[in-house]
Amino acid sequence: MELLEYHAKALKELGHPARLAVYKRLSKAGYQGLPVGSLQKELGIPGSTLSHHLSALMAAGLVKQQRDGRTLFCIAQYDRFDALVAYLQDQCCADEQ
């Protein structure tokens, strides 16, 4: 996927209110992430709907899942988000020079 397409997909997925709420909660959780069940409970999102939103965020590279025994953890991918922000800031005020 080309860099521009990657960033456009990430922005598109974060543009959905539920996905933004999921990513925001996962980013607060830190590098250990959160179990899917806890995320579902905290945000009040039905399991099938949460699964759909997580799939979209994973496809954009913003979230990964890691299994620990029977528990599935969701973890924000900070490096991907940082790259997105850097991409947006890269050209900031470039025309003013």
PDB file of N, CA and C in Angstrom:
ATOM      1  N   MET A   1       0.854  -1.177   0.000  1.00  0.00           N
ATOM      2  CA  MET A   1       0.000   0.000   0.000  1.00  0.00           C
ATOM      3  C   MET A   1       0.901   1.241   0.000  1.00  0.00           C
ATOM      4  N   GLU A   2       0.599   2.165  -0.846  1.00  0.00           N
ATOM      5  CA  GLU A   2       1.346   3.422  -0.937  1.00  0.00           C
ATOM      6  C   GLU A   2       1.121   4.248   0.330  1.00  0.00           C
ATOM      7  N   LEU A   3       2.104   5.048   0.688  1.00  0.00           N
ATOM      8  CA  LEU A   3       2.057   5.834   1.918  1.00  0.00           C
ATOM      9  C   LEU A   3       0.798   6.704   1.994  1.00  0.00           C
ATOM     10  N   LEU A   4       0.475   7.380   0.918  1.00  0.00           N
ATOM     11  CA  LEU A   4      -0.720   8.235   0.903  1.00  0.00           C
ATOM     12  C   LEU A   4      -1.983   7.411   1.157  1.00  0.00           C
ATOM     13  N   GLU A   5      -2.060   6.232   0.538  1.00  0.00           N
ATOM     14  CA  GLU A   5      -3.222   5.362   0.733  1.00  0.00           C
ATOM     15  C   GLU A   5      -3.309   4.873   2.177  1.00  0.00           C
ATOM     16  N   TYR A   6      -2.156   4.546   2.756  1.00  0.00           N
ATOM     17  CA  TYR A   6      -2.129   4.098   4.148  1.00  0.00           C
ATOM     18  C   TYR A   6      -2.688   5.185   5.061  1.00  0.00           C
ATOM     19  N   HIS A   7      -2.207   6.399   4.907  1.00  0.00           N
ATOM     20  CA  HIS A   7      -2.654   7.487   5.777  1.00  0.00           C
ATOM     21  C   HIS A   7      -4.129   7.808   5.544  1.00  0.00           C
ATOM     22  N   ALA A   8      -4.570   7.756   4.305  1.00  0.00           N
ATOM     23  CA  ALA A   8      -5.982   8.004   4.012  1.00  0.00           C
ATOM     24  C   ALA A   8      -6.857   6.943   4.682  1.00  0.00           C
ATOM     25  N   LYS A   9      -6.425   5.677   4.638  1.00  0.00           N
ATOM     26  CA  LYS A   9      -7.196   4.602   5.281  1.00  0.00           C
ATOM     27  C   LYS A   9      -7.227   4.790   6.795  1.00  0.00           C
ATOM     28  N   ALA A  10      -6.097   5.137   7.381  1.00  0.00           N
ATOM     29  CA  ALA A  10      -6.042   5.348   8.831  1.00  0.00           C
ATOM     30  C   ALA A  10      -6.974   6.487   9.239  1.00  0.00           C
ATOM     31  N   LEU A  11      -6.943   7.581   8.498  1.00  0.00           N
ATOM     32  CA  LEU A  11      -7.817   8.718   8.812  1.00  0.00           C
ATOM     33  C   LEU A  11      -9.286   8.346   8.638  1.00  0.00           C
ATOM     34  N   LYS A  12      -9.574   7.569   7.599  1.00  0.00           N
ATOM     35  CA  LYS A  12     -10.955   7.137   7.361  1.00  0.00           C
ATOM     36  C   LYS A  12     -11.462   6.314   8.541  1.00  0.00           C
ATOM     37  N   GLU A  13     -10.648   5.369   8.997  1.00  0.00           N
ATOM     38  CA  GLU A  13     -11.078   4.505  10.097  1.00  0.00           C
ATOM     39  C   GLU A  13     -11.212   5.289  11.399  1.00  0.00           C
ATOM     40  N   LEU A  14     -10.315   6.213  11.653  1.00  0.00           N
ATOM     41  CA  LEU A  14     -10.417   7.033  12.862  1.00  0.00           C
ATOM     42  C   LEU A  14     -11.541   8.059  12.771  1.00  0.00           C
ATOM     43  N   GLY A  15     -12.055   8.281  11.571  1.00  0.00           N
ATOM     44  CA  GLY A  15     -13.146   9.231  11.368  1.00  0.00           C
ATOM     45  C   GLY A  15     -14.497   8.715  11.854  1.00  0.00           C
ATOM     46  N   HIS A  16     -14.581   7.437  12.162  1.00  0.00           N
ATOM     47  CA  HIS A  16     -15.827   6.873  12.685  1.00  0.00           C
ATOM     48  C   HIS A  16     -15.828   7.049  14.208  1.00  0.00           C
ATOM     49  N   PRO A  17     -16.877   7.614  14.787  1.00  0.00           N
ATOM     50  CA  PRO A  17     -16.887   7.898  16.228  1.00  0.00           C
ATOM     51  C   PRO A  17     -16.592   6.687  17.116  1.00  0.00           C
ATOM     52  N   ALA A  18     -17.153   5.531  16.790  1.00  0.00           N
ATOM     53  CA  ALA A  18     -16.918   4.342  17.626  1.00  0.00           C
ATOM     54  C   ALA A  18     -15.465   3.891  17.521  1.00  0.00           C
ATOM     55  N   ARG A  19     -14.900   3.940  16.330  1.00  0.00           N
ATOM     56  CA  ARG A  19     -13.503   3.521  16.148  1.00  0.00           C
ATOM     57  C   ARG A  19     -12.553   4.490  16.840  1.00  0.00           C
ATOM     58  N   LEU A  20     -12.876   5.760  16.780  1.00  0.00           N
ATOM     59  CA  LEU A  20     -12.050   6.745  17.469  1.00  0.00           C
ATOM     60  C   LEU A  20     -12.100   6.497  18.981  1.00  0.00           C
ATOM     61  N   ALA A  21     -13.280   6.174  19.499  1.00  0.00           N
ATOM     62  CA  ALA A  21     -13.421   5.871  20.932  1.00  0.00           C
ATOM     63  C   ALA A  21     -12.614   4.628  21.305  1.00  0.00           C
ATOM     64  N   VAL A  22     -12.641   3.611  20.449  1.00  0.00           N
ATOM     65  CA  VAL A  22     -11.866   2.390  20.694  1.00  0.00           C
ATOM     66  C   VAL A  22     -10.384   2.715  20.709  1.00  0.00           C
ATOM     67  N   TYR A  23      -9.921   3.446  19.699  1.00  0.00           N
ATOM     68  CA  TYR A  23      -8.494   3.762  19.630  1.00  0.00           C
ATOM     69  C   TYR A  23      -8.072   4.643  20.812  1.00  0.00           C
ATOM     70  N   LYS A  24      -8.898   5.590  21.154  1.00  0.00           N
ATOM     71  CA  LYS A  24      -8.586   6.475  22.288  1.00  0.00           C
ATOM     72  C   LYS A  24      -8.457   5.669  23.579  1.00  0.00           C
ATOM     73  N   ARG A  25      -9.371   4.749  23.804  1.00  0.00           N
ATOM     74  CA  ARG A  25      -9.310   3.927  25.021  1.00  0.00           C
ATOM     75  C   ARG A  25      -8.081   3.029  25.015  1.00  0.00           C
ATOM     76  N   LEU A  26      -7.775   2.444  23.866  1.00  0.00           N
ATOM     77  CA  LEU A  26      -6.591   1.583  23.782  1.00  0.00           C
ATOM     78  C   LEU A  26      -5.310   2.383  23.960  1.00  0.00           C
ATOM     79  N   SER A  27      -5.284   3.605  23.466  1.00  0.00           N
ATOM     80  CA  SER A  27      -4.075   4.414  23.617  1.00  0.00           C
ATOM     81  C   SER A  27      -3.845   4.771  25.083  1.00  0.00           C
ATOM     82  N   LYS A  28      -4.926   4.932  25.846  1.00  0.00           N
ATOM     83  CA  LYS A  28      -4.798   5.200  27.280  1.00  0.00           C
ATOM     84  C   LYS A  28      -4.299   3.969  28.036  1.00  0.00           C
ATOM     85  N   ALA A  29      -4.589   2.794  27.522  1.00  0.00           N
ATOM     86  CA  ALA A  29      -4.244   1.540  28.204  1.00  0.00           C
ATOM     87  C   ALA A  29      -2.748   1.268  28.202  1.00  0.00           C
ATOM     88  N   GLY A  30      -2.024   1.860  27.276  1.00  0.00           N
ATOM     89  CA  GLY A  30      -0.586   1.630  27.215  1.00  0.00           C
ATOM     90  C   GLY A  30      -0.224   0.414  26.391  1.00  0.00           C
ATOM     91  N   TYR A  31       1.044   0.029  26.516  1.00  0.00           N
ATOM     92  CA  TYR A  31       1.587  -1.028  25.667  1.00  0.00           C
ATOM     93  C   TYR A  31       1.065  -2.422  26.006  1.00  0.00           C
ATOM     94  N   GLN A  32       0.455  -2.607  27.165  1.00  0.00           N
ATOM     95  CA  GLN A  32      -0.093  -3.916  27.501  1.00  0.00           C
ATOM     96  C   GLN A  32      -1.458  -4.127  26.854  1.00  0.00           C
ATOM     97  N   GLY A  33      -2.106  -3.040  26.443  1.00  0.00           N
ATOM     98  CA  GLY A  33      -3.404  -3.144  25.798  1.00  0.00           C
ATOM     99  C   GLY A  33      -4.518  -3.484  26.767  1.00  0.00           C
ATOM    100  N   LEU A  34      -5.639  -3.882  26.215  1.00  0.00           N
ATOM    101  CA  LEU A  34      -6.815  -4.258  27.004  1.00  0.00           C
ATOM    102  C   LEU A  34      -7.418  -5.537  26.450  1.00  0.00           C
ATOM    103  N   PRO A  35      -7.951  -6.387  27.313  1.00  0.00           N
ATOM    104  CA  PRO A  35      -8.693  -7.545  26.819  1.00  0.00           C
ATOM    105  C   PRO A  35      -9.941  -7.075  26.068  1.00  0.00           C
ATOM    106  N   VAL A  36     -10.305  -7.810  25.049  1.00  0.00           N
ATOM    107  CA  VAL A  36     -11.481  -7.449  24.249  1.00  0.00           C
ATOM    108  C   VAL A  36     -12.712  -7.314  25.130  1.00  0.00           C
ATOM    109  N   GLY A  37     -12.893  -8.227  26.066  1.00  0.00           N
ATOM    110  CA  GLY A  37     -14.063  -8.177  26.946  1.00  0.00           C
ATOM    111  C   GLY A  37     -14.125  -6.908  27.775  1.00  0.00           C
ATOM    112  N   SER A  38     -12.990  -6.466  28.270  1.00  0.00           N
ATOM    113  CA  SER A  38     -12.954  -5.224  29.055  1.00  0.00           C
ATOM    114  C   SER A  38     -13.284  -4.024  28.180  1.00  0.00           C
ATOM    115  N   LEU A  39     -12.729  -4.026  26.983  1.00  0.00           N
ATOM    116  CA  LEU A  39     -12.987  -2.935  26.041  1.00  0.00           C
ATOM    117  C   LEU A  39     -14.474  -2.872  25.705  1.00  0.00           C
ATOM    118  N   GLN A  40     -15.063  -4.023  25.473  1.00  0.00           N
ATOM    119  CA  GLN A  40     -16.490  -4.089  25.152  1.00  0.00           C
ATOM    120  C   GLN A  40     -17.327  -3.562  26.307  1.00  0.00           C
ATOM    121  N   LYS A  41     -16.990  -3.981  27.524  1.00  0.00           N
ATOM    122  CA  LYS A  41     -17.742  -3.557  28.704  1.00  0.00           C
ATOM    123  C   LYS A  41     -17.627  -2.055  28.933  1.00  0.00           C
ATOM    124  N   GLU A  42     -16.398  -1.548  28.865  1.00  0.00           N
ATOM    125  CA  GLU A  42     -16.162  -0.124  29.137  1.00  0.00           C
ATOM    126  C   GLU A  42     -16.858   0.778  28.129  1.00  0.00           C
ATOM    127  N   LEU A  43     -16.839   0.382  26.855  1.00  0.00           N
ATOM    128  CA  LEU A  43     -17.414   1.237  25.816  1.00  0.00           C
ATOM    129  C   LEU A  43     -18.882   0.935  25.539  1.00  0.00           C
ATOM    130  N   GLY A  44     -19.379  -0.180  26.066  1.00  0.00           N
ATOM    131  CA  GLY A  44     -20.784  -0.530  25.855  1.00  0.00           C
ATOM    132  C   GLY A  44     -21.114  -0.846  24.402  1.00  0.00           C
ATOM    133  N   ILE A  45     -20.175  -1.468  23.725  1.00  0.00           N
ATOM    134  CA  ILE A  45     -20.368  -1.819  22.312  1.00  0.00           C
ATOM    135  C   ILE A  45     -20.625  -3.323  22.219  1.00  0.00           C
ATOM    136  N   PRO A  46     -21.683  -3.751  21.518  1.00  0.00           N
ATOM    137  CA  PRO A  46     -21.934  -5.190  21.353  1.00  0.00           C
ATOM    138  C   PRO A  46     -20.720  -5.898  20.737  1.00  0.00           C
ATOM    139  N   GLY A  47     -20.522  -7.149  21.107  1.00  0.00           N
ATOM    140  CA  GLY A  47     -19.361  -7.914  20.659  1.00  0.00           C
ATOM    141  C   GLY A  47     -19.153  -7.944  19.162  1.00  0.00           C
ATOM    142  N   SER A  48     -20.209  -8.216  18.409  1.00  0.00           N
ATOM    143  CA  SER A  48     -20.062  -8.304  16.951  1.00  0.00           C
ATOM    144  C   SER A  48     -19.717  -6.943  16.350  1.00  0.00           C
ATOM    145  N   THR A  49     -20.266  -5.897  16.904  1.00  0.00           N
ATOM    146  CA  THR A  49     -19.969  -4.543  16.423  1.00  0.00           C
ATOM    147  C   THR A  49     -18.537  -4.162  16.762  1.00  0.00           C
ATOM    148  N   LEU A  50     -18.097  -4.480  17.976  1.00  0.00           N
ATOM    149  CA  LEU A  50     -16.721  -4.193  18.370  1.00  0.00           C
ATOM    150  C   LEU A  50     -15.743  -4.949  17.480  1.00  0.00           C
ATOM    151  N   SER A  51     -16.056  -6.187  17.188  1.00  0.00           N
ATOM    152  CA  SER A  51     -15.207  -6.994  16.316  1.00  0.00           C
ATOM    153  C   SER A  51     -15.053  -6.336  14.945  1.00  0.00           C
ATOM    154  N   HIS A  52     -16.135  -5.820  14.424  1.00  0.00           N
ATOM    155  CA  HIS A  52     -16.122  -5.116  13.133  1.00  0.00           C
ATOM    156  C   HIS A  52     -15.207  -3.886  13.199  1.00  0.00           C
ATOM    157  N   HIS A  53     -15.347  -3.098  14.251  1.00  0.00           N
ATOM    158  CA  HIS A  53     -14.531  -1.889  14.393  1.00  0.00           C
ATOM    159  C   HIS A  53     -13.052  -2.231  14.601  1.00  0.00           C
ATOM    160  N   LEU A  54     -12.779  -3.255  15.386  1.00  0.00           N
ATOM    161  CA  LEU A  54     -11.397  -3.671  15.591  1.00  0.00           C
ATOM    162  C   LEU A  54     -10.763  -4.165  14.297  1.00  0.00           C
ATOM    163  N   SER A  55     -11.528  -4.883  13.502  1.00  0.00           N
ATOM    164  CA  SER A  55     -11.020  -5.360  12.206  1.00  0.00           C
ATOM    165  C   SER A  55     -10.622  -4.194  11.316  1.00  0.00           C
ATOM    166  N   ALA A  56     -11.434  -3.159  11.305  1.00  0.00           N
ATOM    167  CA  ALA A  56     -11.130  -1.981  10.486  1.00  0.00           C
ATOM    168  C   ALA A  56      -9.861  -1.289  10.987  1.00  0.00           C
ATOM    169  N   LEU A  57      -9.723  -1.164  12.306  1.00  0.00           N
ATOM    170  CA  LEU A  57      -8.528  -0.524  12.871  1.00  0.00           C
ATOM    171  C   LEU A  57      -7.277  -1.370  12.641  1.00  0.00           C
ATOM    172  N   MET A  58      -7.428  -2.689  12.683  1.00  0.00           N
ATOM    173  CA  MET A  58      -6.289  -3.569  12.407  1.00  0.00           C
ATOM    174  C   MET A  58      -5.891  -3.497  10.941  1.00  0.00           C
ATOM    175  N   ALA A  59      -6.866  -3.430  10.052  1.00  0.00           N
ATOM    176  CA  ALA A  59      -6.571  -3.328   8.620  1.00  0.00           C
ATOM    177  C   ALA A  59      -5.818  -2.040   8.309  1.00  0.00           C
ATOM    178  N   ALA A  60      -6.055  -1.004   9.099  1.00  0.00           N
ATOM    179  CA  ALA A  60      -5.361   0.273   8.916  1.00  0.00           C
ATOM    180  C   ALA A  60      -4.016   0.290   9.644  1.00  0.00           C
ATOM    181  N   GLY A  61      -3.694  -0.780  10.373  1.00  0.00           N
ATOM    182  CA  GLY A  61      -2.422  -0.869  11.075  1.00  0.00           C
ATOM    183  C   GLY A  61      -2.374  -0.099  12.380  1.00  0.00           C
ATOM    184  N   LEU A  62      -3.511   0.335  12.869  1.00  0.00           N
ATOM    185  CA  LEU A  62      -3.553   1.145  14.088  1.00  0.00           C
ATOM    186  C   LEU A  62      -3.684   0.323  15.366  1.00  0.00           C
ATOM    187  N   VAL A  63      -4.119  -0.917  15.226  1.00  0.00           N
ATOM    188  CA  VAL A  63      -4.328  -1.805  16.370  1.00  0.00           C
ATOM    189  C   VAL A  63      -3.831  -3.197  15.993  1.00  0.00           C
ATOM    190  N   LYS A  64      -3.285  -3.904  16.977  1.00  0.00           N
ATOM    191  CA  LYS A  64      -2.971  -5.321  16.778  1.00  0.00           C
ATOM    192  C   LYS A  64      -3.582  -6.100  17.924  1.00  0.00           C
ATOM    193  N   GLN A  65      -3.750  -7.392  17.713  1.00  0.00           N
ATOM    194  CA  GLN A  65      -4.284  -8.249  18.754  1.00  0.00           C
ATOM    195  C   GLN A  65      -3.228  -9.293  19.112  1.00  0.00           C
ATOM    196  N   GLN A  66      -3.208  -9.628  20.401  1.00  0.00           N
ATOM    197  CA  GLN A  66      -2.251 -10.606  20.894  1.00  0.00           C
ATOM    198  C   GLN A  66      -2.960 -11.500  21.897  1.00  0.00           C
ATOM    199  N   ARG A  67      -2.807 -12.790  21.702  1.00  0.00           N
ATOM    200  CA  ARG A  67      -3.471 -13.741  22.587  1.00  0.00           C
ATOM    201  C   ARG A  67      -2.538 -14.126  23.731  1.00  0.00           C
ATOM    202  N   ASP A  68      -3.106 -14.160  24.941  1.00  0.00           N
ATOM    203  CA  ASP A  68      -2.390 -14.633  26.121  1.00  0.00           C
ATOM    204  C   ASP A  68      -3.295 -15.668  26.774  1.00  0.00           C
ATOM    205  N   GLY A  69      -3.042 -16.919  26.487  1.00  0.00           N
ATOM    206  CA  GLY A  69      -3.931 -17.981  26.963  1.00  0.00           C
ATOM    207  C   GLY A  69      -5.276 -17.869  26.276  1.00  0.00           C
ATOM    208  N   ARG A  70      -6.310 -17.696  27.073  1.00  0.00           N
ATOM    209  CA  ARG A  70      -7.663 -17.570  26.507  1.00  0.00           C
ATOM    210  C   ARG A  70      -8.086 -16.119  26.328  1.00  0.00           C
ATOM    211  N   THR A  71      -7.214 -15.191  26.687  1.00  0.00           N
ATOM    212  CA  THR A  71      -7.555 -13.767  26.627  1.00  0.00           C
ATOM    213  C   THR A  71      -6.931 -13.133  25.388  1.00  0.00           C
ATOM    214  N   LEU A  72      -7.754 -12.402  24.657  1.00  0.00           N
ATOM    215  CA  LEU A  72      -7.295 -11.688  23.467  1.00  0.00           C
ATOM    216  C   LEU A  72      -7.158 -10.207  23.818  1.00  0.00           C
ATOM    217  N   PHE A  73      -5.935  -9.710  23.731  1.00  0.00           N
ATOM    218  CA  PHE A  73      -5.646  -8.315  24.039  1.00  0.00           C
ATOM    219  C   PHE A  73      -5.603  -7.484  22.764  1.00  0.00           C
ATOM    220  N   CYS A  74      -6.110  -6.268  22.837  1.00  0.00           N
ATOM    221  CA  CYS A  74      -6.019  -5.299  21.750  1.00  0.00           C
ATOM    222  C   CYS A  74      -5.004  -4.245  22.179  1.00  0.00           C
ATOM    223  N   ILE A  75      -4.084  -3.927  21.266  1.00  0.00           N
ATOM    224  CA  ILE A  75      -2.994  -3.025  21.600  1.00  0.00           C
ATOM    225  C   ILE A  75      -2.875  -1.944  20.530  1.00  0.00           C
ATOM    226  N   ALA A  76      -2.884  -0.699  20.960  1.00  0.00           N
ATOM    227  CA  ALA A  76      -2.709   0.422  20.033  1.00  0.00           C
ATOM    228  C   ALA A  76      -1.295   0.386  19.472  1.00  0.00           C
ATOM    229  N   GLN A  77      -1.174   0.688  18.198  1.00  0.00           N
ATOM    230  CA  GLN A  77       0.135   0.730  17.538  1.00  0.00           C
ATOM    231  C   GLN A  77       0.568   2.187  17.444  1.00  0.00           C
ATOM    232  N   TYR A  78       1.269   2.609  18.483  1.00  0.00           N
ATOM    233  CA  TYR A  78       1.649   4.016  18.607  1.00  0.00           C
ATOM    234  C   TYR A  78       2.545   4.483  17.475  1.00  0.00           C
ATOM    235  N   ASP A  79       3.437   3.625  17.007  1.00  0.00           N
ATOM    236  CA  ASP A  79       4.342   4.028  15.930  1.00  0.00           C
ATOM    237  C   ASP A  79       3.580   4.383  14.664  1.00  0.00           C
ATOM    238  N   ARG A  80       2.522   3.647  14.377  1.00  0.00           N
ATOM    239  CA  ARG A  80       1.701   3.932  13.188  1.00  0.00           C
ATOM    240  C   ARG A  80       0.973   5.257  13.346  1.00  0.00           C
ATOM    241  N   PHE A  81       0.431   5.495  14.543  1.00  0.00           N
ATOM    242  CA  PHE A  81      -0.275   6.748  14.782  1.00  0.00           C
ATOM    243  C   PHE A  81       0.693   7.924  14.735  1.00  0.00           C
ATOM    244  N   ASP A  82       1.866   7.750  15.334  1.00  0.00           N
ATOM    245  CA  ASP A  82       2.885   8.802  15.304  1.00  0.00           C
ATOM    246  C   ASP A  82       3.299   9.127  13.869  1.00  0.00           C
ATOM    247  N   ALA A  83       3.418   8.095  13.028  1.00  0.00           N
ATOM    248  CA  ALA A  83       3.771   8.308  11.620  1.00  0.00           C
ATOM    249  C   ALA A  83       2.673   9.095  10.898  1.00  0.00           C
ATOM    250  N   LEU A  84       1.430   8.813  11.238  1.00  0.00           N
ATOM    251  CA  LEU A  84       0.300   9.542  10.647  1.00  0.00           C
ATOM    252  C   LEU A  84       0.346  11.013  11.038  1.00  0.00           C
ATOM    253  N   VAL A  85       0.557  11.285  12.308  1.00  0.00           N
ATOM    254  CA  VAL A  85       0.626  12.671  12.782  1.00  0.00           C
ATOM    255  C   VAL A  85       1.817  13.387  12.145  1.00  0.00           C
ATOM    256  N   ALA A  86       2.958  12.714  12.068  1.00  0.00           N
ATOM    257  CA  ALA A  86       4.151  13.315  11.451  1.00  0.00           C
ATOM    258  C   ALA A  86       3.895  13.630   9.981  1.00  0.00           C
ATOM    259  N   TYR A  87       3.178  12.747   9.304  1.00  0.00           N
ATOM    260  CA  TYR A  87       2.836  12.965   7.894  1.00  0.00           C
ATOM    261  C   TYR A  87       1.990  14.229   7.739  1.00  0.00           C
ATOM    262  N   LEU A  88       1.040  14.422   8.647  1.00  0.00           N
ATOM    263  CA  LEU A  88       0.180  15.605   8.574  1.00  0.00           C
ATOM    264  C   LEU A  88       0.928  16.883   8.932  1.00  0.00           C
ATOM    265  N   GLN A  89       1.864  16.788   9.859  1.00  0.00           N
ATOM    266  CA  GLN A  89       2.618  17.960  10.292  1.00  0.00           C
ATOM    267  C   GLN A  89       3.775  18.297   9.351  1.00  0.00           C
ATOM    268  N   ASP A  90       4.188  17.367   8.539  1.00  0.00           N
ATOM    269  CA  ASP A  90       5.356  17.523   7.692  1.00  0.00           C
ATOM    270  C   ASP A  90       5.311  18.782   6.827  1.00  0.00           C
ATOM    271  N   GLN A  91       4.174  19.090   6.300  1.00  0.00           N
ATOM    272  CA  GLN A  91       4.056  20.231   5.397  1.00  0.00           C
ATOM    273  C   GLN A  91       3.448  21.467   6.063  1.00  0.00           C
ATOM    274  N   CYS A  92       3.318  21.400   7.357  1.00  0.00           N
ATOM    275  CA  CYS A  92       2.709  22.515   8.080  1.00  0.00           C
ATOM    276  C   CYS A  92       3.471  23.819   7.808  1.00  0.00           C
ATOM    277  N   CYS A  93       2.748  24.797   7.362  1.00  0.00           N
ATOM    278  CA  CYS A  93       3.258  26.151   7.124  1.00  0.00           C
ATOM    279  C   CYS A  93       4.361  26.207   6.060  1.00  0.00           C
ATOM    280  N   ALA A  94       4.466  25.188   5.210  1.00  0.00           N
ATOM    281  CA  ALA A  94       5.516  25.146   4.200  1.00  0.00           C
ATOM    282  C   ALA A  94       5.410  26.302   3.207  1.00  0.00           C
ATOM    283  N   ASP A  95       4.211  26.776   2.948  1.00  0.00           N
ATOM    284  CA  ASP A  95       4.012  27.856   1.985  1.00  0.00           C
ATOM    285  C   ASP A  95       4.346  29.244   2.554  1.00  0.00           C
ATOM    286  N   GLU A  96       4.553  29.315   3.858  1.00  0.00           N
ATOM    287  CA  GLU A  96       4.831  30.610   4.484  1.00  0.00           C
ATOM    288  C   GLU A  96       6.286  31.026   4.356  1.00  0.00           C
ATOM    289  N   GLN A  97       7.119  30.142   3.907  1.00  0.00           N
ATOM    290  CA  GLN A  97       8.556  30.454   3.831  1.00  0.00           C
ATOM    291  C   GLN A  97       8.914  31.202   2.581  1.00  0.00           C
TER     292      GLN A  97
END
